[in-house]
Amino acid sequence: QVQLVESAGGLVQPGGSLRLSCAASGIIFNIFTMGWYRQAPGKQRELVAAITGGGSMNYADSVKGRFTISRDNAKNTVYLQMNSLKPEDTAVYYCNGNSGKVFYWGQGTQVTVSS
């Protein structure tokens, strides 16, 4: 059984930081490209950042320089470090695992940036 379990999000003030984690089980983790997506109310789900099994990363333009994705293949975990958070980063954040043939989603975690 495949599971992607995200850590809790939370309420953060503008300019603050938050780190999300996603622990995977039931997959050969190091062959999966792992990603973080987000969906704000009334908007489509969008890619935030992704990292291949070999460590190549890509980011949405809106988060470049503020967010960092990383992975620990020994722990089957992917992280998203979010700095300099803005109100427009408010969304439900989803972990995604993609092997090129199959993909899986976490349950999502709410991140709210507000004063």
Protein backbone atom coordinates (compact mmCIF):
# COMPACT_ATOMS: atom_id res chain seq x y z
CA GLN A 1 0.00 0.00 0.00
CA VAL A 2 1.44 3.34 -1.08
CA GLN A 3 1.27 6.20 1.35
CA LEU A 4 2.55 9.76 1.16
CA VAL A 5 2.10 11.39 4.54
CA GLU A 6 2.67 15.12 4.83
CA SER A 7 3.55 16.93 8.00
CA ALA A 8 1.19 19.47 9.42
CA GLY A 9 1.18 22.91 7.86
CA GLY A 10 0.07 25.84 9.87
CA LEU A 11 -0.46 29.54 10.23
CA VAL A 12 2.60 31.67 9.57
CA GLN A 13 3.07 35.41 9.52
CA PRO A 14 4.23 37.09 6.32
CA GLY A 15 7.99 36.87 6.09
CA GLY A 16 8.06 33.75 8.20
CA SER A 17 9.29 30.26 7.47
CA LEU A 18 7.87 26.79 7.52
CA ARG A 19 9.21 23.38 6.58
CA LEU A 20 6.97 20.66 5.22
CA SER A 21 7.94 17.03 5.03
CA CYS A 22 6.44 14.07 3.23
CA ALA A 23 7.22 10.52 4.22
CA ALA A 24 6.68 7.88 1.57
CA SER A 25 6.08 4.17 2.00
CA GLY A 26 5.23 1.37 -0.38
CA ILE A 27 7.33 2.72 -3.26
CA ILE A 28 10.92 2.44 -4.44
CA PHE A 29 11.53 5.97 -3.33
CA ASN A 30 14.78 6.73 -5.13
CA ILE A 31 13.30 6.14 -8.60
CA PHE A 32 10.44 8.57 -8.01
CA THR A 33 10.51 12.24 -8.83
CA MET A 34 9.00 13.87 -5.77
CA GLY A 35 7.17 17.12 -5.94
CA TRP A 36 5.16 19.63 -4.00
CA TYR A 37 2.04 21.12 -5.51
CA ARG A 38 -0.38 23.63 -4.08
CA GLN A 39 -3.94 24.65 -4.63
CA ALA A 40 -5.40 27.92 -3.47
CA PRO A 41 -9.16 28.47 -3.22
CA GLY A 42 -10.67 28.94 -6.65
CA LYS A 43 -7.42 28.15 -8.43
CA GLN A 44 -5.96 25.14 -10.19
CA ARG A 45 -3.39 22.95 -8.53
CA GLU A 46 0.10 24.09 -9.52
CA LEU A 47 3.58 22.69 -9.27
CA VAL A 48 5.68 24.40 -6.62
CA ALA A 49 8.89 22.38 -6.79
CA ALA A 50 10.13 18.96 -7.82
CA ILE A 51 13.26 16.90 -7.31
CA THR A 52 14.35 13.83 -9.22
CA GLY A 53 15.85 10.73 -7.65
CA GLY A 54 19.24 12.04 -8.69
CA GLY A 55 18.66 15.40 -7.05
CA SER A 56 17.82 17.66 -10.00
CA MET A 57 15.40 20.35 -8.92
CA ASN A 58 12.99 22.74 -10.54
CA TYR A 59 10.83 25.47 -9.09
CA ALA A 60 7.88 27.59 -10.00
CA ASP A 61 9.00 31.13 -10.79
CA SER A 62 6.87 32.44 -7.94
CA VAL A 63 8.90 30.59 -5.31
CA LYS A 64 12.43 30.70 -6.74
CA GLY A 65 14.87 32.02 -4.19
CA ARG A 66 12.42 31.51 -1.33
CA PHE A 67 11.61 27.79 -1.31
CA THR A 68 14.01 24.86 -1.31
CA ILE A 69 13.10 21.26 -2.03
CA SER A 70 15.28 18.42 -0.81
CA ARG A 71 15.06 14.72 -0.26
CA ASP A 72 16.59 12.07 1.96
CA ASN A 73 16.46 8.79 0.09
CA ALA A 74 17.56 6.87 3.19
CA LYS A 75 14.48 8.12 5.02
CA ASN A 76 12.11 8.05 2.04
CA THR A 77 11.28 11.65 2.79
CA VAL A 78 11.03 14.84 0.77
CA TYR A 79 11.09 18.31 2.31
CA LEU A 80 9.99 21.76 1.33
CA GLN A 81 11.65 24.62 3.16
CA MET A 82 9.61 27.76 2.70
CA ASN A 83 11.13 31.11 3.61
CA SER A 84 9.96 34.69 3.18
CA LEU A 85 6.40 33.49 3.01
CA LYS A 86 3.79 35.72 1.43
CA PRO A 87 0.01 35.78 1.77
CA GLU A 88 -0.22 34.52 -1.79
CA ASP A 89 1.54 31.32 -0.69
CA THR A 90 -1.60 30.40 1.23
CA ALA A 91 -2.87 27.11 -0.14
CA VAL A 92 -3.25 23.43 0.48
CA TYR A 93 0.11 21.84 -0.25
CA TYR A 94 0.24 18.34 -1.69
CA CYS A 95 3.12 15.91 -1.90
CA ASN A 96 3.41 14.00 -5.16
CA GLY A 97 5.42 10.99 -6.23
CA ASN A 98 5.87 10.34 -9.94
CA SER A 99 7.74 7.41 -11.48
CA GLY A 100 6.81 8.34 -15.05
CA LYS A 101 4.33 5.47 -15.09
CA VAL A 102 2.38 6.00 -11.94
CA PHE A 103 1.91 8.89 -9.59
CA TYR A 104 0.62 9.25 -6.10
CA TRP A 105 -0.68 12.08 -3.94
CA GLY A 106 -0.58 12.87 -0.29
CA GLN A 107 -3.66 14.04 1.55
CA GLY A 108 -2.66 17.68 1.54
CA THR A 109 -1.79 20.10 4.31
CA GLN A 110 -3.01 23.64 4.79
CA VAL A 111 -0.52 26.50 4.87
CA THR A 112 -1.92 29.91 5.73
CA VAL A 113 0.21 33.04 5.59
CA SER A 114 -1.48 35.87 7.41
CA SER A 115 -0.86 38.46 10.06
